[in-house]
Amino acid sequence: MNSRDLFKATVMNAVKECYQIGYAPTRFETMIQEAHPVEVAKKFVISGEFQYGFKELLKLGRADLTIENIMLDKQFIELFGPQELEAAEWRLENG
């Protein structure tokens, strides 16, 4: 499995876990059906705003389920540029 496919599988597992903890990321699911999760992640981190789902997951103490956190996993950093990774880190620290 290449890293793009593995990233997608990891994101899908995080979505499943969101449902298990009582948060339904339906808008996010629609987005990742329309575009690959790598592209969605890039769009999110440079958007400049904290999405509702991101804030909800932080409130629930589950930053590990955010796409930003998944982006920063060592096995996926090759999929993103330095600015995107820096933005993901900043969002997790400041969200």
PDB file of N, CA and C in Angstrom:
ATOM      1  N   MET A   1       0.855  -1.179   0.000  1.00  0.00           N
ATOM      2  CA  MET A   1       0.000   0.000   0.000  1.00  0.00           C
ATOM      3  C   MET A   1       0.901   1.243   0.000  1.00  0.00           C
ATOM      4  N   ASN A   2       0.671   2.160  -0.934  1.00  0.00           N
ATOM      5  CA  ASN A   2       1.489   3.371  -0.961  1.00  0.00           C
ATOM      6  C   ASN A   2       1.039   4.348   0.129  1.00  0.00           C
ATOM      7  N   SER A   3       1.819   5.390   0.339  1.00  0.00           N
ATOM      8  CA  SER A   3       1.532   6.289   1.467  1.00  0.00           C
ATOM      9  C   SER A   3       0.226   7.067   1.288  1.00  0.00           C
ATOM     10  N   ARG A   4      -0.163   7.390   0.043  1.00  0.00           N
ATOM     11  CA  ARG A   4      -1.452   8.074  -0.179  1.00  0.00           C
ATOM     12  C   ARG A   4      -2.615   7.168   0.226  1.00  0.00           C
ATOM     13  N   ASP A   5      -2.523   5.898  -0.159  1.00  0.00           N
ATOM     14  CA  ASP A   5      -3.588   4.946   0.188  1.00  0.00           C
ATOM     15  C   ASP A   5      -3.628   4.705   1.698  1.00  0.00           C
ATOM     16  N   LEU A   6      -2.460   4.622   2.300  1.00  0.00           N
ATOM     17  CA  LEU A   6      -2.378   4.411   3.742  1.00  0.00           C
ATOM     18  C   LEU A   6      -2.925   5.628   4.497  1.00  0.00           C
ATOM     19  N   PHE A   7      -2.638   6.827   3.987  1.00  0.00           N
ATOM     20  CA  PHE A   7      -3.177   8.047   4.592  1.00  0.00           C
ATOM     21  C   PHE A   7      -4.707   8.010   4.538  1.00  0.00           C
ATOM     22  N   LYS A   8      -5.233   7.646   3.371  1.00  0.00           N
ATOM     23  CA  LYS A   8      -6.689   7.579   3.221  1.00  0.00           C
ATOM     24  C   LYS A   8      -7.283   6.563   4.194  1.00  0.00           C
ATOM     25  N   ALA A   9      -6.674   5.398   4.316  1.00  0.00           N
ATOM     26  CA  ALA A   9      -7.165   4.359   5.230  1.00  0.00           C
ATOM     27  C   ALA A   9      -7.123   4.852   6.680  1.00  0.00           C
ATOM     28  N   THR A  10      -6.063   5.564   7.033  1.00  0.00           N
ATOM     29  CA  THR A  10      -5.924   6.101   8.394  1.00  0.00           C
ATOM     30  C   THR A  10      -6.999   7.137   8.670  1.00  0.00           C
ATOM     31  N   VAL A  11      -7.256   8.008   7.710  1.00  0.00           N
ATOM     32  CA  VAL A  11      -8.294   9.026   7.852  1.00  0.00           C
ATOM     33  C   VAL A  11      -9.667   8.367   7.982  1.00  0.00           C
ATOM     34  N   MET A  12      -9.920   7.339   7.184  1.00  0.00           N
ATOM     35  CA  MET A  12     -11.213   6.635   7.248  1.00  0.00           C
ATOM     36  C   MET A  12     -11.402   5.972   8.622  1.00  0.00           C
ATOM     37  N   ASN A  13     -10.332   5.423   9.169  1.00  0.00           N
ATOM     38  CA  ASN A  13     -10.408   4.837  10.512  1.00  0.00           C
ATOM     39  C   ASN A  13     -10.689   5.912  11.563  1.00  0.00           C
ATOM     40  N   ALA A  14     -10.095   7.078  11.397  1.00  0.00           N
ATOM     41  CA  ALA A  14     -10.339   8.184  12.330  1.00  0.00           C
ATOM     42  C   ALA A  14     -11.803   8.621  12.256  1.00  0.00           C
ATOM     43  N   VAL A  15     -12.357   8.657  11.042  1.00  0.00           N
ATOM     44  CA  VAL A  15     -13.770   9.020  10.865  1.00  0.00           C
ATOM     45  C   VAL A  15     -14.654   8.014  11.603  1.00  0.00           C
ATOM     46  N   LYS A  16     -14.334   6.738  11.449  1.00  0.00           N
ATOM     47  CA  LYS A  16     -15.099   5.689  12.124  1.00  0.00           C
ATOM     48  C   LYS A  16     -15.041   5.861  13.640  1.00  0.00           C
ATOM     49  N   GLU A  17     -13.849   6.187  14.133  1.00  0.00           N
ATOM     50  CA  GLU A  17     -13.684   6.385  15.569  1.00  0.00           C
ATOM     51  C   GLU A  17     -14.447   7.623  16.060  1.00  0.00           C
ATOM     52  N   CYS A  18     -14.538   8.644  15.211  1.00  0.00           N
ATOM     53  CA  CYS A  18     -15.320   9.842  15.563  1.00  0.00           C
ATOM     54  C   CYS A  18     -16.764   9.451  15.881  1.00  0.00           C
ATOM     55  N   TYR A  19     -17.332   8.605  15.044  1.00  0.00           N
ATOM     56  CA  TYR A  19     -18.704   8.148  15.280  1.00  0.00           C
ATOM     57  C   TYR A  19     -18.807   7.403  16.610  1.00  0.00           C
ATOM     58  N   GLN A  20     -17.786   6.617  16.915  1.00  0.00           N
ATOM     59  CA  GLN A  20     -17.803   5.833  18.157  1.00  0.00           C
ATOM     60  C   GLN A  20     -17.762   6.712  19.399  1.00  0.00           C
ATOM     61  N   ILE A  21     -17.177   7.900  19.279  1.00  0.00           N
ATOM     62  CA  ILE A  21     -17.109   8.793  20.444  1.00  0.00           C
ATOM     63  C   ILE A  21     -18.244   9.824  20.431  1.00  0.00           C
ATOM     64  N   GLY A  22     -19.145   9.690  19.474  1.00  0.00           N
ATOM     65  CA  GLY A  22     -20.320  10.553  19.471  1.00  0.00           C
ATOM     66  C   GLY A  22     -20.233  11.797  18.612  1.00  0.00           C
ATOM     67  N   TYR A  23     -19.222  11.888  17.771  1.00  0.00           N
ATOM     68  CA  TYR A  23     -19.124  13.024  16.850  1.00  0.00           C
ATOM     69  C   TYR A  23     -19.272  12.517  15.424  1.00  0.00           C
ATOM     70  N   ALA A  24     -20.197  13.107  14.672  1.00  0.00           N
ATOM     71  CA  ALA A  24     -20.460  12.679  13.293  1.00  0.00           C
ATOM     72  C   ALA A  24     -19.880  13.695  12.303  1.00  0.00           C
ATOM     73  N   PRO A  25     -18.740  13.389  11.690  1.00  0.00           N
ATOM     74  CA  PRO A  25     -18.103  14.330  10.770  1.00  0.00           C
ATOM     75  C   PRO A  25     -18.665  14.229   9.338  1.00  0.00           C
ATOM     76  N   THR A  26     -19.946  14.456   9.191  1.00  0.00           N
ATOM     77  CA  THR A  26     -20.606  14.225   7.906  1.00  0.00           C
ATOM     78  C   THR A  26     -20.099  15.147   6.792  1.00  0.00           C
ATOM     79  N   ARG A  27     -19.890  16.408   7.094  1.00  0.00           N
ATOM     80  CA  ARG A  27     -19.397  17.347   6.063  1.00  0.00           C
ATOM     81  C   ARG A  27     -17.999  16.927   5.602  1.00  0.00           C
ATOM     82  N   PHE A  28     -17.170  16.531   6.555  1.00  0.00           N
ATOM     83  CA  PHE A  28     -15.818  16.072   6.232  1.00  0.00           C
ATOM     84  C   PHE A  28     -15.876  14.819   5.365  1.00  0.00           C
ATOM     85  N   GLU A  29     -16.784  13.905   5.701  1.00  0.00           N
ATOM     86  CA  GLU A  29     -16.926  12.676   4.900  1.00  0.00           C
ATOM     87  C   GLU A  29     -17.272  13.006   3.455  1.00  0.00           C
ATOM     88  N   THR A  30     -18.160  13.961   3.271  1.00  0.00           N
ATOM     89  CA  THR A  30     -18.525  14.374   1.912  1.00  0.00           C
ATOM     90  C   THR A  30     -17.301  14.906   1.181  1.00  0.00           C
ATOM     91  N   MET A  31     -16.511  15.699   1.879  1.00  0.00           N
ATOM     92  CA  MET A  31     -15.308  16.279   1.271  1.00  0.00           C
ATOM     93  C   MET A  31     -14.324  15.211   0.828  1.00  0.00           C
ATOM     94  N   ILE A  32     -14.132  14.178   1.658  1.00  0.00           N
ATOM     95  CA  ILE A  32     -13.148  13.151   1.284  1.00  0.00           C
ATOM     96  C   ILE A  32     -13.709  12.142   0.290  1.00  0.00           C
ATOM     97  N   GLN A  33     -15.002  12.206   0.028  1.00  0.00           N
ATOM     98  CA  GLN A  33     -15.562  11.405  -1.068  1.00  0.00           C
ATOM     99  C   GLN A  33     -15.361  12.134  -2.390  1.00  0.00           C
ATOM    100  N   GLU A  34     -15.338  13.466  -2.326  1.00  0.00           N
ATOM    101  CA  GLU A  34     -15.191  14.278  -3.536  1.00  0.00           C
ATOM    102  C   GLU A  34     -13.730  14.501  -3.919  1.00  0.00           C
ATOM    103  N   ALA A  35     -12.825  14.463  -2.953  1.00  0.00           N
ATOM    104  CA  ALA A  35     -11.392  14.661  -3.211  1.00  0.00           C
ATOM    105  C   ALA A  35     -10.603  13.744  -2.282  1.00  0.00           C
ATOM    106  N   HIS A  36      -9.406  13.389  -2.685  1.00  0.00           N
ATOM    107  CA  HIS A  36      -8.559  12.520  -1.863  1.00  0.00           C
ATOM    108  C   HIS A  36      -8.252  13.220  -0.540  1.00  0.00           C
ATOM    109  N   PRO A  37      -8.220  12.466   0.558  1.00  0.00           N
ATOM    110  CA  PRO A  37      -7.933  13.070   1.863  1.00  0.00           C
ATOM    111  C   PRO A  37      -6.644  13.891   1.912  1.00  0.00           C
ATOM    112  N   VAL A  38      -5.649  13.545   1.106  1.00  0.00           N
ATOM    113  CA  VAL A  38      -4.414  14.337   1.083  1.00  0.00           C
ATOM    114  C   VAL A  38      -4.721  15.756   0.608  1.00  0.00           C
ATOM    115  N   GLU A  39      -5.528  15.861  -0.454  1.00  0.00           N
ATOM    116  CA  GLU A  39      -5.878  17.177  -0.997  1.00  0.00           C
ATOM    117  C   GLU A  39      -6.753  17.952  -0.012  1.00  0.00           C
ATOM    118  N   VAL A  40      -7.678  17.253   0.646  1.00  0.00           N
ATOM    119  CA  VAL A  40      -8.551  17.888   1.644  1.00  0.00           C
ATOM    120  C   VAL A  40      -7.701  18.415   2.795  1.00  0.00           C
ATOM    121  N   ALA A  41      -6.740  17.621   3.245  1.00  0.00           N
ATOM    122  CA  ALA A  41      -5.869  18.029   4.350  1.00  0.00           C
ATOM    123  C   ALA A  41      -5.104  19.297   3.986  1.00  0.00           C
ATOM    124  N   LYS A  42      -4.561  19.339   2.774  1.00  0.00           N
ATOM    125  CA  LYS A  42      -3.809  20.516   2.334  1.00  0.00           C
ATOM    126  C   LYS A  42      -4.697  21.753   2.344  1.00  0.00           C
ATOM    127  N   LYS A  43      -5.919  21.585   1.892  1.00  0.00           N
ATOM    128  CA  LYS A  43      -6.866  22.703   1.842  1.00  0.00           C
ATOM    129  C   LYS A  43      -7.213  23.187   3.260  1.00  0.00           C
ATOM    130  N   PHE A  44      -7.436  22.238   4.159  1.00  0.00           N
ATOM    131  CA  PHE A  44      -7.794  22.580   5.540  1.00  0.00           C
ATOM    132  C   PHE A  44      -6.712  23.408   6.220  1.00  0.00           C
ATOM    133  N   VAL A  45      -5.474  22.950   6.146  1.00  0.00           N
ATOM    134  CA  VAL A  45      -4.431  23.605   6.939  1.00  0.00           C
ATOM    135  C   VAL A  45      -4.078  24.991   6.439  1.00  0.00           C
ATOM    136  N   ILE A  46      -4.323  25.268   5.166  1.00  0.00           N
ATOM    137  CA  ILE A  46      -4.001  26.598   4.673  1.00  0.00           C
ATOM    138  C   ILE A  46      -5.218  27.525   4.668  1.00  0.00           C
ATOM    139  N   SER A  47      -6.365  27.021   5.123  1.00  0.00           N
ATOM    140  CA  SER A  47      -7.602  27.800   5.074  1.00  0.00           C
ATOM    141  C   SER A  47      -7.594  28.991   6.021  1.00  0.00           C
ATOM    142  N   GLY A  48      -6.810  28.898   7.099  1.00  0.00           N
ATOM    143  CA  GLY A  48      -6.751  30.003   8.037  1.00  0.00           C
ATOM    144  C   GLY A  48      -7.861  29.995   9.072  1.00  0.00           C
ATOM    145  N   GLU A  49      -8.808  29.092   8.937  1.00  0.00           N
ATOM    146  CA  GLU A  49      -9.868  29.026   9.943  1.00  0.00           C
ATOM    147  C   GLU A  49      -9.899  27.634  10.562  1.00  0.00           C
ATOM    148  N   PHE A  50     -10.355  27.581  11.806  1.00  0.00           N
ATOM    149  CA  PHE A  50     -10.475  26.292  12.483  1.00  0.00           C
ATOM    150  C   PHE A  50     -11.867  25.749  12.203  1.00  0.00           C
ATOM    151  N   GLN A  51     -11.929  24.622  11.504  1.00  0.00           N
ATOM    152  CA  GLN A  51     -13.207  24.011  11.167  1.00  0.00           C
ATOM    153  C   GLN A  51     -13.914  23.519  12.431  1.00  0.00           C
ATOM    154  N   TYR A  52     -15.225  23.455  12.342  1.00  0.00           N
ATOM    155  CA  TYR A  52     -16.059  23.007  13.458  1.00  0.00           C
ATOM    156  C   TYR A  52     -15.583  21.658  13.991  1.00  0.00           C
ATOM    157  N   GLY A  53     -15.363  20.712  13.089  1.00  0.00           N
ATOM    158  CA  GLY A  53     -14.960  19.368  13.500  1.00  0.00           C
ATOM    159  C   GLY A  53     -13.643  19.354  14.245  1.00  0.00           C
ATOM    160  N   PHE A  54     -12.710  20.176  13.795  1.00  0.00           N
ATOM    161  CA  PHE A  54     -11.419  20.287  14.458  1.00  0.00           C
ATOM    162  C   PHE A  54     -11.615  20.754  15.903  1.00  0.00           C
ATOM    163  N   LYS A  55     -12.421  21.793  16.056  1.00  0.00           N
ATOM    164  CA  LYS A  55     -12.682  22.335  17.395  1.00  0.00           C
ATOM    165  C   LYS A  55     -13.414  21.310  18.272  1.00  0.00           C
ATOM    166  N   GLU A  56     -14.349  20.588  17.686  1.00  0.00           N
ATOM    167  CA  GLU A  56     -15.090  19.572  18.442  1.00  0.00           C
ATOM    168  C   GLU A  56     -14.166  18.475  18.941  1.00  0.00           C
ATOM    169  N   LEU A  57     -13.295  18.000  18.070  1.00  0.00           N
ATOM    170  CA  LEU A  57     -12.368  16.936  18.463  1.00  0.00           C
ATOM    171  C   LEU A  57     -11.423  17.408  19.566  1.00  0.00           C
ATOM    172  N   LEU A  58     -10.982  18.656  19.492  1.00  0.00           N
ATOM    173  CA  LEU A  58     -10.132  19.187  20.564  1.00  0.00           C
ATOM    174  C   LEU A  58     -10.914  19.252  21.872  1.00  0.00           C
ATOM    175  N   LYS A  59     -12.179  19.686  21.807  1.00  0.00           N
ATOM    176  CA  LYS A  59     -13.025  19.748  23.005  1.00  0.00           C
ATOM    177  C   LYS A  59     -13.182  18.368  23.633  1.00  0.00           C
ATOM    178  N   LEU A  60     -13.275  17.354  22.776  1.00  0.00           N
ATOM    179  CA  LEU A  60     -13.449  15.976  23.247  1.00  0.00           C
ATOM    180  C   LEU A  60     -12.123  15.354  23.698  1.00  0.00           C
ATOM    181  N   GLY A  61     -11.042  16.115  23.581  1.00  0.00           N
ATOM    182  CA  GLY A  61      -9.733  15.595  23.971  1.00  0.00           C
ATOM    183  C   GLY A  61      -9.189  14.581  22.995  1.00  0.00           C
ATOM    184  N   ARG A  62      -9.595  14.694  21.733  1.00  0.00           N
ATOM    185  CA  ARG A  62      -9.183  13.711  20.729  1.00  0.00           C
ATOM    186  C   ARG A  62      -8.453  14.363  19.551  1.00  0.00           C
ATOM    187  N   ALA A  63      -7.450  15.149  19.865  1.00  0.00           N
ATOM    188  CA  ALA A  63      -6.628  15.767  18.821  1.00  0.00           C
ATOM    189  C   ALA A  63      -6.005  14.704  17.918  1.00  0.00           C
ATOM    190  N   ASP A  64      -5.847  13.493  18.458  1.00  0.00           N
ATOM    191  CA  ASP A  64      -5.257  12.400  17.678  1.00  0.00           C
ATOM    192  C   ASP A  64      -6.093  12.047  16.448  1.00  0.00           C
ATOM    193  N   LEU A  65      -7.381  12.407  16.455  1.00  0.00           N
ATOM    194  CA  LEU A  65      -8.257  12.076  15.327  1.00  0.00           C
ATOM    195  C   LEU A  65      -8.321  13.183  14.275  1.00  0.00           C
ATOM    196  N   THR A  66      -7.649  14.300  14.522  1.00  0.00           N
ATOM    197  CA  THR A  66      -7.687  15.389  13.546  1.00  0.00           C
ATOM    198  C   THR A  66      -6.817  15.066  12.343  1.00  0.00           C
ATOM    199  N   ILE A  67      -7.204  15.615  11.210  1.00  0.00           N
ATOM    200  CA  ILE A  67      -6.410  15.381  10.003  1.00  0.00           C
ATOM    201  C   ILE A  67      -5.022  16.006  10.154  1.00  0.00           C
ATOM    202  N   GLU A  68      -4.945  17.097  10.921  1.00  0.00           N
ATOM    203  CA  GLU A  68      -3.650  17.740  11.167  1.00  0.00           C
ATOM    204  C   GLU A  68      -2.698  16.782  11.882  1.00  0.00           C
ATOM    205  N   ASN A  69      -3.209  16.088  12.883  1.00  0.00           N
ATOM    206  CA  ASN A  69      -2.385  15.142  13.626  1.00  0.00           C
ATOM    207  C   ASN A  69      -1.944  13.984  12.733  1.00  0.00           C
ATOM    208  N   ILE A  70      -2.851  13.509  11.907  1.00  0.00           N
ATOM    209  CA  ILE A  70      -2.513  12.402  10.998  1.00  0.00           C
ATOM    210  C   ILE A  70      -1.451  12.851   9.988  1.00  0.00           C
ATOM    211  N   MET A  71      -1.576  14.088   9.497  1.00  0.00           N
ATOM    212  CA  MET A  71      -0.573  14.626   8.562  1.00  0.00           C
ATOM    213  C   MET A  71       0.830  14.582   9.142  1.00  0.00           C
ATOM    214  N   LEU A  72       0.927  14.833  10.444  1.00  0.00           N
ATOM    215  CA  LEU A  72       2.230  14.949  11.095  1.00  0.00           C
ATOM    216  C   LEU A  72       2.849  13.601  11.470  1.00  0.00           C
ATOM    217  N   ASP A  73       2.116  12.514  11.223  1.00  0.00           N
ATOM    218  CA  ASP A  73       2.660  11.181  11.465  1.00  0.00           C
ATOM    219  C   ASP A  73       3.851  10.976  10.518  1.00  0.00           C
ATOM    220  N   LYS A  74       4.954  10.456  11.056  1.00  0.00           N
ATOM    221  CA  LYS A  74       6.185  10.286  10.271  1.00  0.00           C
ATOM    222  C   LYS A  74       5.961   9.586   8.932  1.00  0.00           C
ATOM    223  N   GLN A  75       5.044   8.631   8.904  1.00  0.00           N
ATOM    224  CA  GLN A  75       4.850   7.878   7.665  1.00  0.00           C
ATOM    225  C   GLN A  75       4.144   8.681   6.580  1.00  0.00           C
ATOM    226  N   PHE A  76       3.603   9.847   6.929  1.00  0.00           N
ATOM    227  CA  PHE A  76       2.861  10.641   5.951  1.00  0.00           C
ATOM    228  C   PHE A  76       3.484  11.987   5.608  1.00  0.00           C
ATOM    229  N   ILE A  77       4.546  12.387   6.304  1.00  0.00           N
ATOM    230  CA  ILE A  77       5.073  13.733   6.073  1.00  0.00           C
ATOM    231  C   ILE A  77       5.558  13.948   4.639  1.00  0.00           C
ATOM    232  N   GLU A  78       5.937  12.872   3.951  1.00  0.00           N
ATOM    233  CA  GLU A  78       6.395  13.005   2.557  1.00  0.00           C
ATOM    234  C   GLU A  78       5.275  13.482   1.617  1.00  0.00           C
ATOM    235  N   LEU A  79       4.028  13.357   2.068  1.00  0.00           N
ATOM    236  CA  LEU A  79       2.889  13.745   1.231  1.00  0.00           C
ATOM    237  C   LEU A  79       2.628  15.253   1.249  1.00  0.00           C
ATOM    238  N   PHE A  80       3.305  15.959   2.167  1.00  0.00           N
ATOM    239  CA  PHE A  80       3.010  17.368   2.376  1.00  0.00           C
ATOM    240  C   PHE A  80       4.280  18.209   2.323  1.00  0.00           C
ATOM    241  N   GLY A  81       4.116  19.455   1.950  1.00  0.00           N
ATOM    242  CA  GLY A  81       5.239  20.386   1.918  1.00  0.00           C
ATOM    243  C   GLY A  81       5.525  20.926   3.304  1.00  0.00           C
ATOM    244  N   PRO A  82       6.702  21.537   3.483  1.00  0.00           N
ATOM    245  CA  PRO A  82       7.083  22.083   4.788  1.00  0.00           C
ATOM    246  C   PRO A  82       6.070  23.089   5.336  1.00  0.00           C
ATOM    247  N   GLN A  83       5.533  23.952   4.481  1.00  0.00           N
ATOM    248  CA  GLN A  83       4.564  24.953   4.942  1.00  0.00           C
ATOM    249  C   GLN A  83       3.267  24.305   5.421  1.00  0.00           C
ATOM    250  N   GLU A  84       2.852  23.254   4.733  1.00  0.00           N
ATOM    251  CA  GLU A  84       1.625  22.549   5.131  1.00  0.00           C
ATOM    252  C   GLU A  84       1.817  21.859   6.480  1.00  0.00           C
ATOM    253  N   LEU A  85       2.974  21.253   6.673  1.00  0.00           N
ATOM    254  CA  LEU A  85       3.258  20.582   7.939  1.00  0.00           C
ATOM    255  C   LEU A  85       3.382  21.592   9.078  1.00  0.00           C
ATOM    256  N   GLU A  86       4.007  22.726   8.781  1.00  0.00           N
ATOM    257  CA  GLU A  86       4.134  23.788   9.768  1.00  0.00           C
ATOM    258  C   GLU A  86       2.745  24.324  10.159  1.00  0.00           C
ATOM    259  N   ALA A  87       1.883  24.481   9.168  1.00  0.00           N
ATOM    260  CA  ALA A  87       0.520  24.959   9.425  1.00  0.00           C
ATOM    261  C   ALA A  87      -0.255  23.954  10.275  1.00  0.00           C
ATOM    262  N   ALA A  88      -0.103  22.664   9.981  1.00  0.00           N
ATOM    263  CA  ALA A  88      -0.786  21.620  10.755  1.00  0.00           C
ATOM    264  C   ALA A  88      -0.345  21.661  12.215  1.00  0.00           C
ATOM    265  N   GLU A  89       0.964  21.802  12.404  1.00  0.00           N
ATOM    266  CA  GLU A  89       1.509  21.876  13.762  1.00  0.00           C
ATOM    267  C   GLU A  89       0.985  23.110  14.490  1.00  0.00           C
ATOM    268  N   TRP A  90       0.977  24.244  13.811  1.00  0.00           N
ATOM    269  CA  TRP A  90       0.505  25.486  14.400  1.00  0.00           C
ATOM    270  C   TRP A  90      -0.966  25.347  14.819  1.00  0.00           C
ATOM    271  N   ARG A  91      -1.775  24.742  13.950  1.00  0.00           N
ATOM    272  CA  ARG A  91      -3.198  24.575  14.241  1.00  0.00           C
ATOM    273  C   ARG A  91      -3.400  23.722  15.489  1.00  0.00           C
ATOM    274  N   LEU A  92      -2.630  22.653  15.622  1.00  0.00           N
ATOM    275  CA  LEU A  92      -2.765  21.796  16.806  1.00  0.00           C
ATOM    276  C   LEU A  92      -2.347  22.533  18.082  1.00  0.00           C
ATOM    277  N   GLU A  93      -1.343  23.381  17.968  1.00  0.00           N
ATOM    278  CA  GLU A  93      -0.875  24.119  19.139  1.00  0.00           C
ATOM    279  C   GLU A  93      -1.792  25.275  19.510  1.00  0.00           C
ATOM    280  N   ASN A  94      -2.501  25.830  18.531  1.00  0.00           N
ATOM    281  CA  ASN A  94      -3.273  27.057  18.745  1.00  0.00           C
ATOM    282  C   ASN A  94      -4.787  26.899  18.624  1.00  0.00           C
ATOM    283  N   GLY A  95      -5.245  25.687  18.313  1.00  0.00           N
ATOM    284  CA  GLY A  95      -6.663  25.458  18.065  1.00  0.00           C
ATOM    285  C   GLY A  95      -7.532  25.501  19.287  1.00  0.00           C
TER     286      GLY A  95
END
